[in-house]
Amino acid sequence: MLAKLALTVYLAIVIVCDLRTRTIPNRLTLPVMVGVLGWQFCKTGWAALVILAFWIGIFTLWAAHLYGGGDAKLLMVLFALWPRTDFLLVEAGLSLLIGIPLLIWKYRGKPWPEAARSFQQALEQKQGGYPWGAIYALGGIVFAWLGV
């Protein structure tokens, strides 16, 4: 219970930082990345290599400019905590549940062809402007309290 509360406070701080500044500072992610990976290595031994495989995938998506560095490091923290597909499903479902209404809200009132062009330009210019880190952190809070 105490671990869930501590994780919730940590992720709430991440959410506030991301909503205010659209960045997640390294001081919030890097120490936690190292700590969680060390904890998993002590707990599971060489199975922690699975986490490194997740991290390589996340790094590859960051290198392709699909999201920012803070978002990537937060995902690395979360996947180090829960290197399981059920966490991935909760995270993806919540991202869709929140992300689709955000896109609809952003492009409301525009004709479909104009909205599609604007969306394509935003993707090409890497101008998402959405607090994806906050959404990922919210997914972590939900998953922690589901007790899975």
N, C-alpha and C. Protein backbone atom coordinates (compact mmCIF):
# COMPACT_ATOMS: atom_id res chain seq x y z
N MET A 1 0.82 -1.20 0.00
CA MET A 1 0.00 0.00 0.00
C MET A 1 0.86 1.26 0.00
N LEU A 2 1.91 1.24 0.82
CA LEU A 2 2.81 2.39 0.89
C LEU A 2 3.53 2.60 -0.44
N ALA A 3 3.90 1.49 -1.10
CA ALA A 3 4.57 1.60 -2.40
C ALA A 3 3.63 2.21 -3.44
N LYS A 4 2.36 1.82 -3.41
CA LYS A 4 1.38 2.39 -4.35
C LYS A 4 1.21 3.90 -4.12
N LEU A 5 1.16 4.29 -2.85
CA LEU A 5 1.02 5.72 -2.54
C LEU A 5 2.24 6.50 -3.01
N ALA A 6 3.43 5.96 -2.74
CA ALA A 6 4.67 6.63 -3.17
C ALA A 6 4.72 6.74 -4.69
N LEU A 7 4.35 5.69 -5.38
CA LEU A 7 4.34 5.71 -6.85
C LEU A 7 3.31 6.71 -7.37
N THR A 8 2.16 6.77 -6.72
CA THR A 8 1.12 7.72 -7.13
C THR A 8 1.60 9.16 -6.95
N VAL A 9 2.27 9.45 -5.84
CA VAL A 9 2.80 10.80 -5.61
C VAL A 9 3.84 11.12 -6.67
N TYR A 10 4.75 10.18 -6.93
CA TYR A 10 5.79 10.40 -7.95
C TYR A 10 5.15 10.68 -9.32
N LEU A 11 4.20 9.86 -9.72
CA LEU A 11 3.57 10.04 -11.03
C LEU A 11 2.71 11.30 -11.07
N ALA A 12 2.13 11.70 -9.94
CA ALA A 12 1.37 12.96 -9.89
C ALA A 12 2.31 14.15 -10.11
N ILE A 13 3.51 14.08 -9.56
CA ILE A 13 4.51 15.14 -9.79
C ILE A 13 4.88 15.19 -11.26
N VAL A 14 5.07 14.02 -11.88
CA VAL A 14 5.36 13.96 -13.31
C VAL A 14 4.23 14.59 -14.11
N ILE A 15 2.99 14.28 -13.76
CA ILE A 15 1.83 14.82 -14.46
C ILE A 15 1.82 16.35 -14.38
N VAL A 16 2.03 16.87 -13.18
CA VAL A 16 2.02 18.34 -13.00
C VAL A 16 3.13 18.98 -13.83
N CYS A 17 4.33 18.41 -13.79
CA CYS A 17 5.45 18.96 -14.59
C CYS A 17 5.11 18.94 -16.07
N ASP A 18 4.57 17.84 -16.55
CA ASP A 18 4.28 17.72 -17.98
C ASP A 18 3.16 18.68 -18.40
N LEU A 19 2.15 18.82 -17.57
CA LEU A 19 1.05 19.72 -17.92
C LEU A 19 1.49 21.18 -17.89
N ARG A 20 2.35 21.53 -16.95
CA ARG A 20 2.81 22.93 -16.84
C ARG A 20 3.83 23.31 -17.90
N THR A 21 4.80 22.43 -18.14
CA THR A 21 5.94 22.81 -18.99
C THR A 21 6.05 22.02 -20.28
N ARG A 22 5.27 20.96 -20.43
CA ARG A 22 5.35 20.04 -21.57
C ARG A 22 6.71 19.34 -21.61
N THR A 23 7.38 19.27 -20.46
CA THR A 23 8.63 18.52 -20.35
C THR A 23 8.61 17.71 -19.06
N ILE A 24 9.40 16.65 -19.06
CA ILE A 24 9.59 15.85 -17.85
C ILE A 24 11.09 15.89 -17.58
N PRO A 25 11.51 16.56 -16.51
CA PRO A 25 12.94 16.74 -16.26
C PRO A 25 13.67 15.43 -16.00
N ASN A 26 14.94 15.40 -16.40
CA ASN A 26 15.77 14.21 -16.17
C ASN A 26 15.86 13.87 -14.69
N ARG A 27 15.83 14.87 -13.83
CA ARG A 27 15.96 14.60 -12.39
C ARG A 27 14.78 13.78 -11.86
N LEU A 28 13.68 13.76 -12.61
CA LEU A 28 12.53 12.95 -12.21
C LEU A 28 12.58 11.53 -12.78
N THR A 29 13.28 11.36 -13.88
CA THR A 29 13.24 10.04 -14.54
C THR A 29 14.53 9.23 -14.40
N LEU A 30 15.68 9.85 -14.60
CA LEU A 30 16.92 9.07 -14.62
C LEU A 30 17.21 8.32 -13.33
N PRO A 31 17.12 8.96 -12.14
CA PRO A 31 17.38 8.18 -10.91
C PRO A 31 16.39 7.02 -10.74
N VAL A 32 15.15 7.26 -11.11
CA VAL A 32 14.14 6.20 -10.97
C VAL A 32 14.41 5.07 -11.95
N MET A 33 14.84 5.42 -13.18
CA MET A 33 15.19 4.39 -14.17
C MET A 33 16.27 3.47 -13.61
N VAL A 34 17.32 4.05 -13.07
CA VAL A 34 18.44 3.26 -12.53
C VAL A 34 17.97 2.42 -11.35
N GLY A 35 17.20 3.05 -10.44
CA GLY A 35 16.73 2.32 -9.27
C GLY A 35 15.81 1.16 -9.60
N VAL A 36 14.88 1.39 -10.48
CA VAL A 36 13.92 0.33 -10.83
C VAL A 36 14.61 -0.79 -11.60
N LEU A 37 15.53 -0.45 -12.50
CA LEU A 37 16.25 -1.50 -13.22
C LEU A 37 17.10 -2.32 -12.25
N GLY A 38 17.76 -1.65 -11.31
CA GLY A 38 18.54 -2.38 -10.30
C GLY A 38 17.67 -3.28 -9.45
N TRP A 39 16.50 -2.76 -9.05
CA TRP A 39 15.56 -3.56 -8.25
C TRP A 39 15.10 -4.79 -9.04
N GLN A 40 14.76 -4.60 -10.31
CA GLN A 40 14.32 -5.73 -11.14
C GLN A 40 15.44 -6.74 -11.33
N PHE A 41 16.66 -6.25 -11.50
CA PHE A 41 17.80 -7.17 -11.69
C PHE A 41 18.02 -8.00 -10.43
N CYS A 42 17.92 -7.37 -9.26
CA CYS A 42 18.08 -8.11 -8.00
C CYS A 42 16.92 -9.09 -7.80
N LYS A 43 15.75 -8.69 -8.22
CA LYS A 43 14.56 -9.52 -8.02
C LYS A 43 14.50 -10.69 -9.00
N THR A 44 14.82 -10.41 -10.28
CA THR A 44 14.62 -11.43 -11.30
C THR A 44 15.90 -11.91 -11.97
N GLY A 45 17.01 -11.31 -11.63
CA GLY A 45 18.28 -11.72 -12.25
C GLY A 45 18.33 -11.37 -13.72
N TRP A 46 18.71 -12.32 -14.51
CA TRP A 46 18.91 -12.06 -15.93
C TRP A 46 17.62 -11.81 -16.68
N ALA A 47 16.49 -12.09 -16.08
CA ALA A 47 15.21 -11.77 -16.73
C ALA A 47 15.05 -10.26 -16.91
N ALA A 48 15.86 -9.48 -16.18
CA ALA A 48 15.82 -8.03 -16.35
C ALA A 48 16.27 -7.63 -17.75
N LEU A 49 16.87 -8.55 -18.48
CA LEU A 49 17.26 -8.25 -19.86
C LEU A 49 16.03 -8.00 -20.74
N VAL A 50 14.90 -8.57 -20.36
CA VAL A 50 13.65 -8.30 -21.08
C VAL A 50 13.33 -6.81 -21.00
N ILE A 51 13.58 -6.23 -19.84
CA ILE A 51 13.35 -4.80 -19.66
C ILE A 51 14.23 -4.00 -20.61
N LEU A 52 15.48 -4.42 -20.74
CA LEU A 52 16.37 -3.72 -21.66
C LEU A 52 15.88 -3.82 -23.10
N ALA A 53 15.25 -4.94 -23.45
CA ALA A 53 14.67 -5.07 -24.79
C ALA A 53 13.53 -4.08 -24.98
N PHE A 54 12.68 -3.93 -23.96
CA PHE A 54 11.63 -2.91 -24.00
C PHE A 54 12.25 -1.53 -24.18
N TRP A 55 13.31 -1.27 -23.42
CA TRP A 55 13.96 0.04 -23.47
C TRP A 55 14.53 0.32 -24.86
N ILE A 56 15.08 -0.69 -25.49
CA ILE A 56 15.61 -0.50 -26.85
C ILE A 56 14.47 -0.14 -27.81
N GLY A 57 13.34 -0.81 -27.66
CA GLY A 57 12.17 -0.48 -28.48
C GLY A 57 11.69 0.94 -28.24
N ILE A 58 11.62 1.35 -26.99
CA ILE A 58 11.19 2.71 -26.66
C ILE A 58 12.20 3.72 -27.19
N PHE A 59 13.49 3.43 -27.05
CA PHE A 59 14.52 4.33 -27.57
C PHE A 59 14.40 4.46 -29.08
N THR A 60 14.12 3.37 -29.75
CA THR A 60 13.96 3.40 -31.21
C THR A 60 12.79 4.30 -31.61
N LEU A 61 11.68 4.21 -30.90
CA LEU A 61 10.53 5.08 -31.19
C LEU A 61 10.86 6.54 -30.90
N TRP A 62 11.64 6.79 -29.84
CA TRP A 62 12.07 8.16 -29.56
C TRP A 62 12.97 8.67 -30.69
N ALA A 63 13.91 7.82 -31.14
CA ALA A 63 14.82 8.21 -32.21
C ALA A 63 14.07 8.51 -33.51
N ALA A 64 12.91 7.89 -33.69
CA ALA A 64 12.07 8.16 -34.87
C ALA A 64 11.20 9.40 -34.65
N HIS A 65 11.41 10.09 -33.52
CA HIS A 65 10.69 11.32 -33.20
C HIS A 65 9.19 11.11 -33.02
N LEU A 66 8.81 9.95 -32.51
CA LEU A 66 7.39 9.71 -32.26
C LEU A 66 6.93 10.31 -30.95
N TYR A 67 7.86 10.57 -30.05
CA TYR A 67 7.57 11.31 -28.83
C TYR A 67 8.86 11.84 -28.24
N GLY A 68 8.72 12.69 -27.22
CA GLY A 68 9.88 13.36 -26.65
C GLY A 68 10.69 12.49 -25.72
N GLY A 69 11.84 13.01 -25.34
CA GLY A 69 12.76 12.27 -24.49
C GLY A 69 12.21 12.00 -23.10
N GLY A 70 11.53 12.98 -22.51
CA GLY A 70 10.94 12.77 -21.19
C GLY A 70 9.86 11.71 -21.23
N ASP A 71 9.06 11.72 -22.28
CA ASP A 71 8.02 10.70 -22.44
C ASP A 71 8.66 9.31 -22.55
N ALA A 72 9.74 9.23 -23.33
CA ALA A 72 10.42 7.95 -23.51
C ALA A 72 10.99 7.44 -22.19
N LYS A 73 11.64 8.32 -21.44
CA LYS A 73 12.23 7.90 -20.16
C LYS A 73 11.15 7.50 -19.16
N LEU A 74 10.02 8.20 -19.18
CA LEU A 74 8.92 7.81 -18.30
C LEU A 74 8.39 6.43 -18.68
N LEU A 75 8.24 6.17 -19.97
CA LEU A 75 7.82 4.83 -20.40
C LEU A 75 8.83 3.78 -19.98
N MET A 76 10.11 4.12 -20.04
CA MET A 76 11.14 3.17 -19.60
C MET A 76 10.98 2.85 -18.12
N VAL A 77 10.69 3.86 -17.31
CA VAL A 77 10.44 3.64 -15.88
C VAL A 77 9.25 2.72 -15.70
N LEU A 78 8.15 3.04 -16.38
CA LEU A 78 6.92 2.27 -16.21
C LEU A 78 7.08 0.83 -16.68
N PHE A 79 7.76 0.63 -17.81
CA PHE A 79 7.96 -0.74 -18.28
C PHE A 79 8.96 -1.50 -17.43
N ALA A 80 9.86 -0.80 -16.76
CA ALA A 80 10.75 -1.49 -15.82
C ALA A 80 9.96 -1.93 -14.58
N LEU A 81 8.96 -1.16 -14.20
CA LEU A 81 8.11 -1.56 -13.07
C LEU A 81 7.24 -2.76 -13.44
N TRP A 82 6.66 -2.71 -14.63
CA TRP A 82 5.73 -3.75 -15.07
C TRP A 82 6.08 -4.21 -16.48
N PRO A 83 7.07 -5.07 -16.64
CA PRO A 83 7.44 -5.54 -17.99
C PRO A 83 6.51 -6.65 -18.48
N ARG A 84 5.24 -6.29 -18.59
CA ARG A 84 4.23 -7.29 -18.95
C ARG A 84 3.29 -6.71 -19.99
N THR A 85 2.67 -7.59 -20.73
CA THR A 85 1.76 -7.13 -21.78
C THR A 85 0.46 -6.57 -21.22
N ASP A 86 0.03 -7.01 -20.04
CA ASP A 86 -1.20 -6.44 -19.48
C ASP A 86 -1.02 -4.96 -19.15
N PHE A 87 0.18 -4.56 -18.73
CA PHE A 87 0.44 -3.14 -18.54
C PHE A 87 0.40 -2.40 -19.87
N LEU A 88 0.98 -3.01 -20.89
CA LEU A 88 0.96 -2.40 -22.22
C LEU A 88 -0.48 -2.18 -22.69
N LEU A 89 -1.34 -3.13 -22.45
CA LEU A 89 -2.75 -3.00 -22.86
C LEU A 89 -3.47 -1.88 -22.10
N VAL A 90 -3.22 -1.78 -20.80
CA VAL A 90 -3.83 -0.70 -20.02
C VAL A 90 -3.31 0.65 -20.52
N GLU A 91 -2.01 0.75 -20.74
CA GLU A 91 -1.40 2.01 -21.20
C GLU A 91 -1.93 2.40 -22.58
N ALA A 92 -1.99 1.45 -23.49
CA ALA A 92 -2.49 1.74 -24.84
C ALA A 92 -3.97 2.11 -24.81
N GLY A 93 -4.76 1.39 -24.05
CA GLY A 93 -6.18 1.68 -23.96
C GLY A 93 -6.45 3.06 -23.39
N LEU A 94 -5.74 3.41 -22.32
CA LEU A 94 -5.94 4.73 -21.72
C LEU A 94 -5.46 5.84 -22.66
N SER A 95 -4.36 5.60 -23.38
CA SER A 95 -3.86 6.60 -24.34
C SER A 95 -4.88 6.84 -25.45
N LEU A 96 -5.51 5.77 -25.91
CA LEU A 96 -6.56 5.94 -26.93
C LEU A 96 -7.79 6.62 -26.36
N LEU A 97 -8.17 6.22 -25.15
CA LEU A 97 -9.35 6.77 -24.51
C LEU A 97 -9.23 8.28 -24.29
N ILE A 98 -8.03 8.75 -23.99
CA ILE A 98 -7.80 10.18 -23.78
C ILE A 98 -7.34 10.86 -25.07
N GLY A 99 -6.48 10.20 -25.85
CA GLY A 99 -5.90 10.82 -27.04
C GLY A 99 -6.87 11.10 -28.16
N ILE A 100 -7.79 10.20 -28.42
CA ILE A 100 -8.76 10.40 -29.50
C ILE A 100 -9.67 11.61 -29.22
N PRO A 101 -10.22 11.73 -28.01
CA PRO A 101 -11.01 12.95 -27.74
C PRO A 101 -10.17 14.25 -27.84
N LEU A 102 -8.88 14.18 -27.45
CA LEU A 102 -8.02 15.36 -27.59
C LEU A 102 -7.88 15.77 -29.06
N LEU A 103 -7.69 14.78 -29.93
CA LEU A 103 -7.58 15.08 -31.37
C LEU A 103 -8.89 15.62 -31.93
N ILE A 104 -10.00 15.03 -31.52
CA ILE A 104 -11.31 15.51 -31.97
C ILE A 104 -11.51 16.96 -31.51
N TRP A 105 -11.15 17.24 -30.27
CA TRP A 105 -11.30 18.60 -29.74
C TRP A 105 -10.42 19.59 -30.51
N LYS A 106 -9.19 19.18 -30.80
CA LYS A 106 -8.26 20.08 -31.50
C LYS A 106 -8.76 20.43 -32.90
N TYR A 107 -9.34 19.48 -33.61
CA TYR A 107 -9.74 19.69 -34.99
C TYR A 107 -11.24 19.90 -35.15
N ARG A 108 -11.93 20.17 -34.06
CA ARG A 108 -13.38 20.39 -34.13
C ARG A 108 -13.68 21.61 -34.99
N GLY A 109 -14.76 21.54 -35.71
CA GLY A 109 -15.21 22.66 -36.51
C GLY A 109 -14.50 22.85 -37.83
N LYS A 110 -13.46 22.08 -38.07
CA LYS A 110 -12.75 22.19 -39.35
C LYS A 110 -13.32 21.15 -40.32
N PRO A 111 -13.40 21.49 -41.59
CA PRO A 111 -13.81 20.48 -42.56
C PRO A 111 -12.78 19.33 -42.57
N TRP A 112 -13.25 18.12 -42.86
CA TRP A 112 -12.37 16.95 -42.82
C TRP A 112 -11.10 17.10 -43.65
N PRO A 113 -11.16 17.59 -44.90
CA PRO A 113 -9.91 17.72 -45.67
C PRO A 113 -8.91 18.67 -45.01
N GLU A 114 -9.40 19.78 -44.48
CA GLU A 114 -8.51 20.74 -43.81
C GLU A 114 -7.95 20.14 -42.51
N ALA A 115 -8.78 19.45 -41.76
CA ALA A 115 -8.32 18.81 -40.52
C ALA A 115 -7.26 17.75 -40.83
N ALA A 116 -7.47 16.98 -41.89
CA ALA A 116 -6.49 15.95 -42.27
C ALA A 116 -5.16 16.58 -42.66
N ARG A 117 -5.21 17.68 -43.41
CA ARG A 117 -3.97 18.38 -43.80
C ARG A 117 -3.24 18.93 -42.57
N SER A 118 -3.98 19.54 -41.66
CA SER A 118 -3.38 20.08 -40.44
C SER A 118 -2.74 18.98 -39.61
N PHE A 119 -3.44 17.85 -39.51
CA PHE A 119 -2.91 16.72 -38.75
C PHE A 119 -1.64 16.19 -39.39
N GLN A 120 -1.64 16.06 -40.71
CA GLN A 120 -0.45 15.58 -41.43
C GLN A 120 0.72 16.55 -41.24
N GLN A 121 0.47 17.85 -41.33
CA GLN A 121 1.53 18.83 -41.13
C GLN A 121 2.08 18.77 -39.71
N ALA A 122 1.21 18.60 -38.74
CA ALA A 122 1.66 18.50 -37.35
C ALA A 122 2.56 17.28 -37.16
N LEU A 123 2.20 16.17 -37.80
CA LEU A 123 3.04 14.97 -37.71
C LEU A 123 4.40 15.19 -38.37
N GLU A 124 4.38 15.81 -39.54
CA GLU A 124 5.63 16.04 -40.26
C GLU A 124 6.54 17.01 -39.53
N GLN A 125 5.97 17.97 -38.84
CA GLN A 125 6.76 18.97 -38.13
C GLN A 125 6.99 18.61 -36.67
N LYS A 126 6.54 17.42 -36.28
CA LYS A 126 6.70 16.94 -34.90
C LYS A 126 6.11 17.92 -33.89
N GLN A 127 4.91 18.42 -34.17
CA GLN A 127 4.26 19.39 -33.30
C GLN A 127 3.04 18.77 -32.63
N GLY A 128 3.27 17.76 -31.83
CA GLY A 128 2.14 17.14 -31.15
C GLY A 128 1.50 18.08 -30.14
N GLY A 129 2.33 18.61 -29.23
CA GLY A 129 1.84 19.54 -28.24
C GLY A 129 0.93 18.95 -27.20
N TYR A 130 0.83 17.64 -27.12
CA TYR A 130 -0.04 17.02 -26.14
C TYR A 130 0.80 16.50 -24.98
N PRO A 131 0.22 16.47 -23.80
CA PRO A 131 0.94 15.99 -22.63
C PRO A 131 0.93 14.47 -22.54
N TRP A 132 1.58 13.82 -23.48
CA TRP A 132 1.56 12.36 -23.50
C TRP A 132 2.20 11.77 -22.25
N GLY A 133 3.22 12.43 -21.73
CA GLY A 133 3.83 11.93 -20.49
C GLY A 133 2.82 11.89 -19.36
N ALA A 134 1.97 12.91 -19.28
CA ALA A 134 0.94 12.92 -18.24
C ALA A 134 -0.04 11.77 -18.45
N ILE A 135 -0.36 11.49 -19.70
CA ILE A 135 -1.27 10.38 -19.99
C ILE A 135 -0.62 9.05 -19.63
N TYR A 136 0.68 8.89 -19.95
CA TYR A 136 1.40 7.66 -19.59
C TYR A 136 1.46 7.50 -18.07
N ALA A 137 1.72 8.62 -17.36
CA ALA A 137 1.80 8.57 -15.90
C ALA A 137 0.44 8.19 -15.31
N LEU A 138 -0.63 8.73 -15.88
CA LEU A 138 -1.97 8.37 -15.42
C LEU A 138 -2.22 6.87 -15.61
N GLY A 139 -1.74 6.32 -16.73
CA GLY A 139 -1.84 4.88 -16.95
C GLY A 139 -1.10 4.09 -15.88
N GLY A 140 0.06 4.60 -15.46
CA GLY A 140 0.80 3.94 -14.39
C GLY A 140 0.04 3.96 -13.07
N ILE A 141 -0.60 5.08 -12.78
CA ILE A 141 -1.39 5.17 -11.55
C ILE A 141 -2.57 4.20 -11.59
N VAL A 142 -3.26 4.18 -12.72
CA VAL A 142 -4.41 3.26 -12.87
C VAL A 142 -3.95 1.82 -12.71
N PHE A 143 -2.85 1.45 -13.38
CA PHE A 143 -2.38 0.07 -13.32
C PHE A 143 -1.93 -0.30 -11.90
N ALA A 144 -1.26 0.64 -11.22
CA ALA A 144 -0.81 0.35 -9.86
C ALA A 144 -1.98 0.05 -8.93
N TRP A 145 -3.05 0.81 -9.09
CA TRP A 145 -4.19 0.64 -8.18
C TRP A 145 -5.15 -0.47 -8.62
N LEU A 146 -5.01 -0.95 -9.84
CA LEU A 146 -5.83 -2.10 -10.25
C LEU A 146 -5.42 -3.35 -9.49
N GLY A 147 -4.19 -3.33 -8.99
CA GLY A 147 -3.72 -4.46 -8.20
C GLY A 147 -3.38 -5.69 -9.03
N VAL A 148 -3.08 -5.46 -10.29
CA VAL A 148 -2.79 -6.57 -11.19
C VAL A 148 -1.40 -7.09 -10.94
